[in-house]
Amino acid sequence: MIIKMGSWFRRDAWRAILVLLVLCCGIQLGQADEITGLYETEVSVSTQSPEERQAALIAAMRQILLRVSGRSIVLTITAIEQALEKPT
């Protein structure tokens, strides 16, 4: 019986490399960067009237929703539209 060590070694070496790549990618996927100020924004108001403050709150929420989702379509979702109409 003749065993070819070369082909056995190459096959196992490729398996080892594949496992190592999967593990390294898995470790990378599990890491996330911390983003500061993601949920913070500033909207200027010229007066402190309740109506203007309400409008500024809605504008700020729109900015944050766009920033977090990355898609403008989020503002067309019915539940979000309704929530923005009557923020508390």
N, C-alpha and C. Protein backbone atom coordinates (compact mmCIF):
# COMPACT_ATOMS: atom_id res chain seq x y z
N MET A 1 0.83 -1.17 0.00
CA MET A 1 0.00 0.00 0.00
C MET A 1 0.88 1.23 0.00
N ILE A 2 0.61 2.11 -0.92
CA ILE A 2 1.40 3.33 -1.06
C ILE A 2 0.53 4.51 -0.67
N ILE A 3 1.03 5.32 0.24
CA ILE A 3 0.32 6.53 0.68
C ILE A 3 1.08 7.74 0.15
N LYS A 4 0.37 8.57 -0.54
CA LYS A 4 0.98 9.79 -1.07
C LYS A 4 0.82 10.88 -0.02
N MET A 5 1.87 11.17 0.66
CA MET A 5 1.83 12.16 1.72
C MET A 5 1.65 13.57 1.17
N GLY A 6 2.15 13.80 -0.04
CA GLY A 6 2.06 15.14 -0.61
C GLY A 6 0.63 15.59 -0.80
N SER A 7 -0.22 14.76 -1.40
CA SER A 7 -1.61 15.15 -1.65
C SER A 7 -2.39 15.23 -0.34
N TRP A 8 -2.11 14.33 0.60
CA TRP A 8 -2.77 14.37 1.90
C TRP A 8 -2.43 15.66 2.63
N PHE A 9 -1.16 16.02 2.60
CA PHE A 9 -0.71 17.22 3.28
C PHE A 9 -1.32 18.47 2.66
N ARG A 10 -1.35 18.52 1.32
CA ARG A 10 -1.92 19.69 0.65
C ARG A 10 -3.40 19.85 0.97
N ARG A 11 -4.13 18.74 0.96
CA ARG A 11 -5.56 18.79 1.24
C ARG A 11 -5.80 19.28 2.66
N ASP A 12 -5.07 18.75 3.61
CA ASP A 12 -5.23 19.18 5.00
C ASP A 12 -4.73 20.61 5.22
N ALA A 13 -3.72 20.99 4.49
CA ALA A 13 -3.21 22.36 4.61
C ALA A 13 -4.26 23.34 4.12
N TRP A 14 -4.94 23.00 3.02
CA TRP A 14 -6.00 23.88 2.51
C TRP A 14 -7.17 23.94 3.49
N ARG A 15 -7.48 22.83 4.10
CA ARG A 15 -8.55 22.82 5.10
C ARG A 15 -8.19 23.71 6.28
N ALA A 16 -6.95 23.60 6.72
CA ALA A 16 -6.49 24.41 7.84
C ALA A 16 -6.54 25.90 7.49
N ILE A 17 -6.13 26.23 6.28
CA ILE A 17 -6.16 27.62 5.85
C ILE A 17 -7.61 28.12 5.79
N LEU A 18 -8.50 27.28 5.27
CA LEU A 18 -9.90 27.65 5.18
C LEU A 18 -10.51 27.89 6.57
N VAL A 19 -10.21 27.00 7.50
CA VAL A 19 -10.71 27.15 8.87
C VAL A 19 -10.15 28.43 9.49
N LEU A 20 -8.89 28.71 9.27
CA LEU A 20 -8.26 29.90 9.80
C LEU A 20 -8.92 31.17 9.23
N LEU A 21 -9.19 31.17 7.93
CA LEU A 21 -9.86 32.32 7.31
C LEU A 21 -11.26 32.52 7.86
N VAL A 22 -12.00 31.44 8.03
CA VAL A 22 -13.36 31.54 8.57
C VAL A 22 -13.32 32.10 9.99
N LEU A 23 -12.39 31.62 10.78
CA LEU A 23 -12.28 32.12 12.16
C LEU A 23 -11.90 33.59 12.19
N CYS A 24 -10.97 33.99 11.34
CA CYS A 24 -10.56 35.39 11.31
C CYS A 24 -11.70 36.28 10.84
N CYS A 25 -12.43 35.85 9.85
CA CYS A 25 -13.57 36.65 9.36
C CYS A 25 -14.66 36.72 10.42
N GLY A 26 -14.88 35.65 11.13
CA GLY A 26 -15.88 35.64 12.19
C GLY A 26 -15.52 36.60 13.30
N ILE A 27 -14.26 36.68 13.61
CA ILE A 27 -13.81 37.61 14.64
C ILE A 27 -14.01 39.04 14.16
N GLN A 28 -13.70 39.32 12.90
CA GLN A 28 -13.87 40.65 12.35
C GLN A 28 -15.34 41.05 12.30
N LEU A 29 -16.21 40.12 11.96
CA LEU A 29 -17.63 40.44 11.88
C LEU A 29 -18.22 40.75 13.24
N GLY A 30 -17.63 40.21 14.28
CA GLY A 30 -18.15 40.43 15.62
C GLY A 30 -17.74 41.76 16.22
N GLN A 31 -16.84 42.48 15.59
CA GLN A 31 -16.38 43.74 16.12
C GLN A 31 -17.14 44.89 15.45
N ALA A 32 -17.47 45.89 16.22
CA ALA A 32 -18.17 47.06 15.68
C ALA A 32 -17.51 48.32 16.23
N ASP A 33 -17.50 49.32 15.41
CA ASP A 33 -16.97 50.61 15.84
C ASP A 33 -18.03 51.35 16.63
N GLU A 34 -17.59 52.06 17.63
CA GLU A 34 -18.51 52.87 18.43
C GLU A 34 -18.66 54.21 17.74
N ILE A 35 -19.89 54.60 17.49
CA ILE A 35 -20.17 55.86 16.83
C ILE A 35 -20.76 56.81 17.86
N THR A 36 -20.06 57.88 18.11
CA THR A 36 -20.56 58.85 19.09
C THR A 36 -21.44 59.87 18.39
N GLY A 37 -22.46 60.31 19.08
CA GLY A 37 -23.35 61.33 18.55
C GLY A 37 -24.34 60.84 17.52
N LEU A 38 -24.52 59.53 17.42
CA LEU A 38 -25.43 58.98 16.42
C LEU A 38 -26.86 59.42 16.67
N TYR A 39 -27.24 59.50 17.93
CA TYR A 39 -28.61 59.86 18.28
C TYR A 39 -28.72 61.30 18.77
N GLU A 40 -27.78 62.13 18.38
CA GLU A 40 -27.79 63.53 18.79
C GLU A 40 -27.83 64.43 17.55
N THR A 41 -28.58 65.49 17.65
CA THR A 41 -28.63 66.49 16.58
C THR A 41 -29.03 67.82 17.16
N GLU A 42 -28.82 68.88 16.42
CA GLU A 42 -29.21 70.20 16.86
C GLU A 42 -30.06 70.85 15.79
N VAL A 43 -31.16 71.44 16.21
CA VAL A 43 -32.04 72.20 15.33
C VAL A 43 -32.26 73.54 16.00
N SER A 44 -31.98 74.60 15.30
CA SER A 44 -32.11 75.96 15.85
C SER A 44 -33.56 76.41 15.83
N VAL A 45 -33.92 77.15 16.86
CA VAL A 45 -35.24 77.79 16.92
C VAL A 45 -35.00 79.28 17.22
N SER A 46 -35.85 80.11 16.63
CA SER A 46 -35.67 81.55 16.85
C SER A 46 -36.45 82.02 18.08
N THR A 47 -37.51 81.29 18.43
CA THR A 47 -38.28 81.62 19.63
C THR A 47 -38.46 80.33 20.44
N GLN A 48 -39.01 80.48 21.61
CA GLN A 48 -39.27 79.31 22.45
C GLN A 48 -40.76 78.93 22.43
N SER A 49 -41.46 79.33 21.39
CA SER A 49 -42.89 79.02 21.32
C SER A 49 -43.08 77.50 21.20
N PRO A 50 -44.16 77.00 21.79
CA PRO A 50 -44.41 75.56 21.72
C PRO A 50 -44.51 75.03 20.29
N GLU A 51 -45.08 75.81 19.40
CA GLU A 51 -45.22 75.37 18.01
C GLU A 51 -43.86 75.23 17.32
N GLU A 52 -43.00 76.21 17.55
CA GLU A 52 -41.68 76.16 16.93
C GLU A 52 -40.82 75.05 17.54
N ARG A 53 -40.94 74.86 18.84
CA ARG A 53 -40.20 73.77 19.48
C ARG A 53 -40.69 72.40 18.98
N GLN A 54 -42.00 72.30 18.77
CA GLN A 54 -42.58 71.06 18.25
C GLN A 54 -42.06 70.78 16.84
N ALA A 55 -42.02 71.81 16.00
CA ALA A 55 -41.51 71.66 14.64
C ALA A 55 -40.02 71.28 14.65
N ALA A 56 -39.27 71.87 15.58
CA ALA A 56 -37.85 71.55 15.68
C ALA A 56 -37.64 70.12 16.16
N LEU A 57 -38.49 69.65 17.07
CA LEU A 57 -38.41 68.27 17.54
C LEU A 57 -38.66 67.29 16.39
N ILE A 58 -39.66 67.59 15.57
CA ILE A 58 -39.97 66.73 14.43
C ILE A 58 -38.81 66.73 13.43
N ALA A 59 -38.24 67.90 13.16
CA ALA A 59 -37.10 67.99 12.24
C ALA A 59 -35.90 67.20 12.77
N ALA A 60 -35.66 67.30 14.08
CA ALA A 60 -34.56 66.57 14.69
C ALA A 60 -34.77 65.06 14.60
N MET A 61 -35.99 64.62 14.86
CA MET A 61 -36.29 63.18 14.77
C MET A 61 -36.11 62.67 13.35
N ARG A 62 -36.51 63.47 12.37
CA ARG A 62 -36.31 63.08 10.97
C ARG A 62 -34.82 62.91 10.65
N GLN A 63 -34.01 63.86 11.12
CA GLN A 63 -32.56 63.78 10.88
C GLN A 63 -31.98 62.51 11.49
N ILE A 64 -32.38 62.20 12.72
CA ILE A 64 -31.84 61.03 13.40
C ILE A 64 -32.31 59.74 12.72
N LEU A 65 -33.58 59.68 12.34
CA LEU A 65 -34.08 58.49 11.64
C LEU A 65 -33.33 58.26 10.34
N LEU A 66 -33.07 59.31 9.60
CA LEU A 66 -32.32 59.18 8.35
C LEU A 66 -30.88 58.74 8.61
N ARG A 67 -30.27 59.29 9.63
CA ARG A 67 -28.88 58.95 9.95
C ARG A 67 -28.75 57.49 10.39
N VAL A 68 -29.65 57.05 11.24
CA VAL A 68 -29.57 55.69 11.77
C VAL A 68 -29.91 54.65 10.72
N SER A 69 -30.96 54.91 9.93
CA SER A 69 -31.39 53.93 8.94
C SER A 69 -30.57 54.01 7.66
N GLY A 70 -30.12 55.19 7.31
CA GLY A 70 -29.37 55.35 6.07
C GLY A 70 -30.26 55.36 4.83
N ARG A 71 -31.56 55.38 5.02
CA ARG A 71 -32.49 55.35 3.89
C ARG A 71 -33.61 56.36 4.10
N SER A 72 -33.90 57.12 3.06
CA SER A 72 -34.96 58.12 3.17
C SER A 72 -36.34 57.49 3.17
N ILE A 73 -36.44 56.26 2.71
CA ILE A 73 -37.74 55.59 2.68
C ILE A 73 -38.31 55.37 4.08
N VAL A 74 -37.46 55.43 5.09
CA VAL A 74 -37.93 55.23 6.45
C VAL A 74 -38.96 56.28 6.85
N LEU A 75 -38.86 57.46 6.25
CA LEU A 75 -39.80 58.54 6.59
C LEU A 75 -41.17 58.34 5.95
N THR A 76 -41.29 57.37 5.04
CA THR A 76 -42.58 57.11 4.40
C THR A 76 -43.35 55.96 5.04
N ILE A 77 -42.78 55.36 6.06
CA ILE A 77 -43.47 54.28 6.78
C ILE A 77 -44.61 54.90 7.58
N THR A 78 -45.79 54.33 7.44
CA THR A 78 -47.00 54.90 8.03
C THR A 78 -46.86 55.12 9.54
N ALA A 79 -46.37 54.14 10.25
CA ALA A 79 -46.24 54.25 11.70
C ALA A 79 -45.29 55.39 12.09
N ILE A 80 -44.22 55.57 11.33
CA ILE A 80 -43.28 56.63 11.62
C ILE A 80 -43.90 57.99 11.28
N GLU A 81 -44.61 58.06 10.17
CA GLU A 81 -45.29 59.30 9.81
C GLU A 81 -46.27 59.71 10.91
N GLN A 82 -47.03 58.74 11.41
CA GLN A 82 -48.00 59.04 12.46
C GLN A 82 -47.32 59.47 13.75
N ALA A 83 -46.21 58.83 14.08
CA ALA A 83 -45.48 59.19 15.30
C ALA A 83 -44.88 60.59 15.19
N LEU A 84 -44.43 60.95 14.00
CA LEU A 84 -43.86 62.30 13.81
C LEU A 84 -44.93 63.38 13.81
N GLU A 85 -46.16 63.02 13.48
CA GLU A 85 -47.24 64.01 13.52
C GLU A 85 -47.58 64.42 14.95
N LYS A 86 -47.46 63.49 15.89
CA LYS A 86 -47.82 63.74 17.28
C LYS A 86 -46.72 63.30 18.24
N PRO A 87 -45.56 63.92 18.19
CA PRO A 87 -44.50 63.53 19.13
C PRO A 87 -44.84 63.99 20.54
N THR A 88 -44.35 63.28 21.51
CA THR A 88 -44.59 63.68 22.90
C THR A 88 -43.29 63.92 23.61
